[in-house]
Structures are given as C-alpha cells and as structure tokens.
C-alpha atoms as a PDB file:
ATOM      1  CA  UNK A   1     -27.128   1.007-267.096  1.00  0.00           C
ATOM      2  CA  UNK A   2     -24.830  -1.088-265.217  1.00  0.00           C
ATOM      3  CA  UNK A   3     -21.777  -1.935-266.920  1.00  0.00           C
ATOM      4  CA  UNK A   4     -18.881  -4.060-265.618  1.00  0.00           C
ATOM      5  CA  UNK A   5     -15.914  -4.486-267.720  1.00  0.00           C
ATOM      6  CA  UNK A   6     -13.358  -6.366-266.498  1.00  0.00           C
ATOM      7  CA  UNK A   7      -9.554  -6.759-267.868  1.00  0.00           C
ATOM      8  CA  UNK A   8      -5.834  -8.820-266.100  1.00  0.00           C
ATOM      9  CA  UNK A   9      -6.936 -11.796-267.726  1.00  0.00           C
ATOM     10  CA  UNK A  10      -4.565 -13.988-269.503  1.00  0.00           C
ATOM     11  CA  UNK A  11      -1.676 -16.731-269.493  1.00  0.00           C
ATOM     12  CA  UNK A  12       0.871 -17.599-266.594  1.00  0.00           C
ATOM     13  CA  UNK A  13       2.219 -20.168-265.049  1.00  0.00           C
ATOM     14  CA  UNK A  14       1.740 -22.995-262.369  1.00  0.00           C
ATOM     15  CA  UNK A  15       2.562 -20.779-259.418  1.00  0.00           C
ATOM     16  CA  UNK A  16       2.285 -16.767-260.793  1.00  0.00           C
ATOM     17  CA  UNK A  17      -0.057 -14.299-260.834  1.00  0.00           C
ATOM     18  CA  UNK A  18      -2.379 -12.364-261.816  1.00  0.00           C
ATOM     19  CA  UNK A  19      -4.559  -8.935-261.448  1.00  0.00           C
ATOM     20  CA  UNK A  20      -8.458  -8.722-262.206  1.00  0.00           C
ATOM     21  CA  UNK A  21      -9.433  -5.498-262.734  1.00  0.00           C
ATOM     22  CA  UNK A  22     -12.977  -4.799-262.836  1.00  0.00           C
ATOM     23  CA  UNK A  23     -14.050  -0.767-263.712  1.00  0.00           C
ATOM     24  CA  UNK A  24     -17.967  -0.319-263.410  1.00  0.00           C
ATOM     25  CA  UNK A  25     -20.314   2.365-264.390  1.00  0.00           C
ATOM     26  CA  UNK A  26     -24.439   3.274-263.504  1.00  0.00           C
ATOM     27  CA  UNK A  27     -24.213   2.733-260.089  1.00  0.00           C
ATOM     28  CA  UNK A  28     -23.564   4.619-257.248  1.00  0.00           C
ATOM     29  CA  UNK A  29     -20.494   1.658-256.712  1.00  0.00           C
ATOM     30  CA  UNK A  30     -20.131   2.531-252.883  1.00  0.00           C
ATOM     31  CA  UNK A  31     -23.388   1.277-251.926  1.00  0.00           C
ATOM     32  CA  UNK A  32     -22.625  -1.905-253.993  1.00  0.00           C
ATOM     33  CA  UNK A  33     -21.081  -4.887-252.404  1.00  0.00           C
ATOM     34  CA  UNK A  34     -18.637  -7.238-255.160  1.00  0.00           C
ATOM     35  CA  UNK A  35     -17.515 -10.066-256.048  1.00  0.00           C
ATOM     36  CA  UNK A  36     -15.762 -11.654-258.416  1.00  0.00           C
ATOM     37  CA  UNK A  37     -16.490 -15.440-259.639  1.00  0.00           C
ATOM     38  CA  UNK A  38     -15.308 -17.402-261.508  1.00  0.00           C
ATOM     39  CA  UNK A  39     -16.324 -20.830-263.854  1.00  0.00           C
ATOM     40  CA  UNK A  40     -14.463 -23.675-265.152  1.00  0.00           C
ATOM     41  CA  UNK A  41     -14.961 -25.592-268.478  1.00  0.00           C
ATOM     42  CA  UNK A  42     -18.288 -28.358-267.766  1.00  0.00           C
ATOM     43  CA  UNK A  43     -18.333 -26.910-263.765  1.00  0.00           C
ATOM     44  CA  UNK A  44     -20.146 -24.557-261.845  1.00  0.00           C
ATOM     45  CA  UNK A  45     -19.937 -21.114-261.587  1.00  0.00           C
ATOM     46  CA  UNK A  46     -18.804 -20.661-258.438  1.00  0.00           C
ATOM     47  CA  UNK A  47     -17.978 -17.615-256.452  1.00  0.00           C
ATOM     48  CA  UNK A  48     -14.397 -17.061-255.240  1.00  0.00           C
ATOM     49  CA  UNK A  49     -14.194 -13.667-253.766  1.00  0.00           C
ATOM     50  CA  UNK A  50     -16.423 -10.723-251.761  1.00  0.00           C
ATOM     51  CA  UNK A  51     -16.700  -6.928-250.278  1.00  0.00           C
ATOM     52  CA  UNK A  52     -19.406  -5.858-248.828  1.00  0.00           C
ATOM     53  CA  UNK A  53     -19.440  -1.877-249.859  1.00  0.00           C
ATOM     54  CA  UNK A  54     -17.263  -1.566-246.217  1.00  0.00           C
ATOM     55  CA  UNK A  55     -14.876  -3.138-247.297  1.00  0.00           C
ATOM     56  CA  UNK A  56     -15.957  -6.611-245.523  1.00  0.00           C
ATOM     57  CA  UNK A  57     -13.936  -9.560-247.730  1.00  0.00           C
ATOM     58  CA  UNK A  58     -15.121 -13.266-247.376  1.00  0.00           C
ATOM     59  CA  UNK A  59     -12.828 -16.366-249.513  1.00  0.00           C
ATOM     60  CA  UNK A  60     -13.682 -19.771-251.130  1.00  0.00           C
ATOM     61  CA  UNK A  61     -11.687 -21.928-248.979  1.00  0.00           C
ATOM     62  CA  UNK A  62      -9.121 -23.521-252.262  1.00  0.00           C
ATOM     63  CA  UNK A  63      -8.320 -19.552-252.645  1.00  0.00           C
ATOM     64  CA  UNK A  64      -8.020 -18.090-248.948  1.00  0.00           C
ATOM     65  CA  UNK A  65      -4.000 -17.043-248.629  1.00  0.00           C
ATOM     66  CA  UNK A  66      -3.592 -17.067-252.407  1.00  0.00           C
ATOM     67  CA  UNK A  67      -6.038 -14.143-253.260  1.00  0.00           C
ATOM     68  CA  UNK A  68      -6.669 -10.688-252.641  1.00  0.00           C
ATOM     69  CA  UNK A  69      -9.996  -9.098-253.442  1.00  0.00           C
ATOM     70  CA  UNK A  70     -10.215  -5.231-252.548  1.00  0.00           C
ATOM     71  CA  UNK A  71     -11.799  -2.229-254.115  1.00  0.00           C
ATOM     72  CA  UNK A  72     -11.152   1.706-254.569  1.00  0.00           C
ATOM     73  CA  UNK A  73     -14.558   3.807-254.449  1.00  0.00           C
ATOM     74  CA  UNK A  74     -12.546   6.762-255.616  1.00  0.00           C
ATOM     75  CA  UNK A  75     -12.165   4.692-259.149  1.00  0.00           C
ATOM     76  CA  UNK A  76     -14.927   2.719-258.702  1.00  0.00           C
ATOM     77  CA  UNK A  77     -13.379  -0.163-259.844  1.00  0.00           C
ATOM     78  CA  UNK A  78     -12.908  -3.919-257.691  1.00  0.00           C
ATOM     79  CA  UNK A  79      -9.504  -6.355-258.072  1.00  0.00           C
ATOM     80  CA  UNK A  80      -8.539  -9.344-257.464  1.00  0.00           C
ATOM     81  CA  UNK A  81      -5.379 -10.018-256.568  1.00  0.00           C
ATOM     82  CA  UNK A  82      -4.220 -13.639-257.448  1.00  0.00           C
ATOM     83  CA  UNK A  83      -1.009 -15.714-256.173  1.00  0.00           C
ATOM     84  CA  UNK A  84       0.628 -18.509-256.729  1.00  0.00           C
ATOM     85  CA  UNK A  85      -1.816 -19.884-259.269  1.00  0.00           C
ATOM     86  CA  UNK A  86      -2.575 -23.354-260.037  1.00  0.00           C
ATOM     87  CA  UNK A  87      -3.735 -24.963-262.721  1.00  0.00           C
ATOM     88  CA  UNK A  88      -7.678 -25.702-261.077  1.00  0.00           C
ATOM     89  CA  UNK A  89      -7.454 -22.397-261.149  1.00  0.00           C
ATOM     90  CA  UNK A  90      -8.224 -21.663-264.571  1.00  0.00           C
ATOM     91  CA  UNK A  91     -11.478 -20.898-265.293  1.00  0.00           C
ATOM     92  CA  UNK A  92     -13.764 -17.288-267.132  1.00  0.00           C
ATOM     93  CA  UNK A  93     -13.198 -14.523-263.897  1.00  0.00           C
ATOM     94  CA  UNK A  94     -16.554 -12.834-263.820  1.00  0.00           C
ATOM     95  CA  UNK A  95     -17.062  -9.912-261.334  1.00  0.00           C
ATOM     96  CA  UNK A  96     -20.692  -8.737-259.802  1.00  0.00           C
ATOM     97  CA  UNK A  97     -22.005  -6.317-257.923  1.00  0.00           C
ATOM     98  CA  UNK A  98     -24.927  -5.981-256.222  1.00  0.00           C
ATOM     99  CA  UNK A  99     -26.772  -3.399-254.562  1.00  0.00           C
ATOM    100  CA  UNK A 100     -27.080  -2.972-250.796  1.00  0.00           C
ATOM    101  CA  UNK A 101     -30.868  -3.176-250.606  1.00  0.00           C
ATOM    102  CA  UNK A 102     -31.847  -5.693-253.036  1.00  0.00           C
ATOM    103  CA  UNK A 103     -30.833  -9.411-253.992  1.00  0.00           C
ATOM    104  CA  UNK A 104     -29.702  -8.968-257.193  1.00  0.00           C
ATOM    105  CA  UNK A 105     -26.609  -9.663-259.395  1.00  0.00           C
ATOM    106  CA  UNK A 106     -25.288  -7.542-262.529  1.00  0.00           C
ATOM    107  CA  UNK A 107     -22.087  -9.555-264.089  1.00  0.00           C
ATOM    108  CA  UNK A 108     -19.585  -7.845-266.350  1.00  0.00           C
ATOM    109  CA  UNK A 109     -19.025 -10.020-269.178  1.00  0.00           C
ATOM    110  CA  UNK A 110     -15.643 -12.799-267.773  1.00  0.00           C
ATOM    111  CA  UNK A 111     -12.003 -13.083-268.310  1.00  0.00           C
ATOM    112  CA  UNK A 112     -10.293 -16.086-269.023  1.00  0.00           C
ATOM    113  CA  UNK A 113      -7.272 -16.889-266.963  1.00  0.00           C
ATOM    114  CA  UNK A 114      -5.206 -20.049-267.603  1.00  0.00           C
ATOM    115  CA  UNK A 115      -2.826 -21.904-265.802  1.00  0.00           C
ATOM    116  CA  UNK A 116      -0.406 -23.834-267.706  1.00  0.00           C
ATOM    117  CA  UNK A 117       3.178 -24.613-268.130  1.00  0.00           C
END
C-alpha cells in the first residue's frame, strides 16, 4: 500500500531553516506528482509547494522565494527546504502524493514545524 513518512520537523527560531523529507513506498514514485501542504491550528489545510513527476515546481505566494521543493526519484523521496522561517509558518506539514493518471491524493501523517523565539 502507499506509505508516506515525513521527517525533519521541529522547533526553529524566526529566520532559521529546516528541511523536511518525505519517503514514499508502495508506489512507482516517478509516476507521481508530489506536494507539501500545511495546516495551522484553526485554519484550513493549504498547499504550499508542488512538484510534478517531471520536476516542474509551483509554490504558494506566501512561501515563494523562501521554500524550495525538490525530489530524488532514485531515493523515492521529496524534500521541502525552508529558509527565512516566520512564526506564521508554524503548522503541521503533510506530504502528498498524486498519481499522474488519477485525481486521488495520498497523505502522510504530518510533521510539526514550530517557528518561535
């Protein structure tokens, strides 16, 4: 079955950096688009970054220029490099996988990112 396991979250000071990882198993990773979404307390989940199976990336306006999504198809892993973190980036970050042939999303369990001094 599809399994997505996120890691790399934690507590970081404003202006700091973190790199999130999402290891995928049970799928043909090269045929999946991958994304990162986040959900802060009391707010709806929002997509922050998305990368197609061919490597084309898109970002939410709130993270453009600060976050970078990239993937390693040999390792079945997608990453989210986060820089210049702000307190408003505090959320649970979820990895998402979508096959290119079907509109269905698979989600990981999430990893907490807290930006605070």
